[in-house]
Amino acid sequence: MAGYVGILVSDPWLQNQFTQVELRSLKSHFDTMKREKGSLTLADLPSQMAKLKQVGENLTEQERESFIRDSYKYLDEVVDFEIFLRVYLKLQAHAAARMGNNVKNSSAFLKSPTSTLLHTISESEKASYVAHINNYLVGDEFLKKFLPIDPSTNDLFEISKDGVLICKLINVAVPGTIDERAINMKRMLNPWERNENHTLCLNSAKAIGCTVVNIGTQDFIEGRRHLVLGVISQIIKIQLLADLNLKKTPQLVELVDDSKDVEELMNLPPEKILLRWMNFQLKKAGYNKIVTNFSSDIKDGEAYARLLNVLAPEYTTPSMLTVRDPSERAKLVLEHADRMGCKRYLTAKDIVEGSPNLNLAFVAHIFQHRNGLSTEAKQISFVETSPDEAQTSKEERSFRFWINSLGNSSYIDNVFEDLRDGWMLLETLDKVSPGIVNWKIATKPPIKMPFRKVENCNQVVMIGKQLKFSLVNIAGNDVVQGNKKLILAYLWQLMRCNILQLLKNLRFHSHGKEITDAHILDWANSKVRNSGSQSHMTSFKDKSLSTGIFFLELLSLVHPRAVNWSLVTKGETEEQKKMNATYIISIARKLGCSIFLLPEDIIEVNQKMILTLTASIMYWHLKQPSEDHSFASSDSDSSSMDTASTSTLDDTVSESSADDISNR
């Protein structure tokens, strides 16, 4: 840790004030501010620090400005990272001193023994998530000795230290994400086994859409409460919003009038669909206000009273609609929900105070329990999808989760909608190839002028060509217009470029040479062949890969104790192939591979996802310091790779997407 911190901060005192994770997060904030402003002065900091927790939440911009003015003589002084950290620490101490112990809806500050940073957790949220865990994991054979968890204690964070509970919770949210055969489950785990569980947990959380940037395995092992609760919160949210799509709940088409509106609905994030559903039901009740959020708009409880009256009028109490006191109405709302059989995710106080996370959880649960939508078959015809559309949806999911894992400034819910202004693509390009974006000619959202979006996307295309992407006849306007095939083709090449760049950066193995698909293919085959195995893949679309045996052998070779062969099937039937594929993905994530494929990608031999899987295993292996790794097994292998360096996967830009590009 000290080595990494020292690169960013030379002052030993400052190094001791932050953990590695905290410093990395603050450096990311600082770089973003600097990129937006060009150069930072002390005078810029009051507004620029608004997004920083504690400092931004607990001090107004005027209070920050006043404090900095009183603390520093020359406000035009240019700020470097170390000055920024010192200002941040002073403002944080000032905020803590002003707040004293009156922290709204929070426990005492959590202060890490290695950090002066202060973090709060919501006791209401903790109690709600503990109740959720107790309810959904009550029958788990391994966890039954720990359940139910007492929400008034810190048992949740203690139990989470071995990684099993959160792995199990991920499987509740998105069944089948983790093959439980890969989880280390025994009474006493050694440090390596705990670390493996947390690595599996974090990589799997990323793969279902959680944002876990700057969170490491050590944070779970140490039980850092705000980080553990943050991950749990995201997992539960994903579970509760799982039905908010047309595939799971086709009756949602009742919210729209025609097929054009259906497409718009399909592109909305789950929270927006939930709000649209809520307003749809409230309109039936004659409620004229539009609910736009899960906080201030429902603090008075009236929207809840109207909603529950529409969905379950048989349980309505007349006073629920007439009572004037918001707290009393909130209590009546929860009593109504109890009679409906809905679980309580919040208290009356949480409603009145407008807790956004708990209100969202409560509304989502009401939707799951009783959505009040029609079940008529005629409504379903809008949402029939072709095999091509299903494949597009799978690819969009993989690319979306990959982009969100990079730690960009915003979370994207749909690549076809959220990338159209070009900004997030530019941020992603800057992550893949730092310094390649000319930020001086880029426009940051919100962007009102359409031509500014086109300018951003033109730079995206220009950089793609600079990185040697196949982009024949593509212009920035194609991205602005949301052309699905072209966007998917670009994202695939960007993801592929990322993993090849990571491999190239391991210069002690690559000697600075460009890494190609052929190198990756040859490395995997050499690794397996040198073990004496007869397994071999001719390409990344070799149908024999569907059994999973080749990848299980490869994983066992890069980490001898990774695979329990007694759990492996022959991969002859579809069910056996699925078991092997699920096991492969979980083992790879447990080792430390950040991958975004699904079991069917292995079973169906999706060559793009097969390449990313192989390359991720290769990257993980080559990073290990224990032995002298090499890309090829012999000089002859190397020469064959050079001649084939660009031929192995050129057709995988996206078979349908590349055709579309070349034919335009």
Foldseek 3Di string as FASTA:
>chain_A
DLVVVCVQDVDPVLSQADDPLVLVVLVVLVVVVCLVVVWDFQQPPLVSCLPPPQLNPQAHSVRLNVVSVVVDPDRRHTDDSVNVSVSVLVSNVVSCVVCPQVDPQWDGWDDDPRHPDTDTDHLLQLVLLLVVLLVQCCPPPQCVVVPSPDSVDLSVLVVCLQLPSLVVLLCLQPPLLADCVQQDGDDDDDPLNSQLSLLLNVLSLLLLPDALRSPHSVCSNVSVPVSVSSSSLVSLLSSLLVCQACVNPVLLLVLDDDLVVNVVSRLDFSLVSLQSLLVVQLVVLVDDDRDDAQFPVCLLVQSLLSNLCSQPVVLHDVVLNVPRHSLVNLQRSVVSCVVLVFDQSGHSVCSNRGVRSSSSSRSSSCCVSTSPGDPDPVSNVSPDDDPVVVVLVLLQSFLLSVLSHLDDPDRDRTQLPPCLLLPSLLSLVCSLPPPLDDSVLADDPPDDDVVNSQSNQQSSVVVCVVLVQPFAPDGSVCSNVSVSLQSSLSSLVSVVSSLQSLVLVLCVAVVNDRAFLLLLQQQLQQLLVVVVDPDHAPALQRLVQLLVPSLLSSLCSLPVVLDDCVQQDRSPDPVNSLSNLSSSVSSLSSLNFNANHHSVCRNNSLSSRSSSSSSSSVSSSSPDPPDDDYSHDDPVSVVVCVVCRHPRCPCPSPVVSSVVSVVD
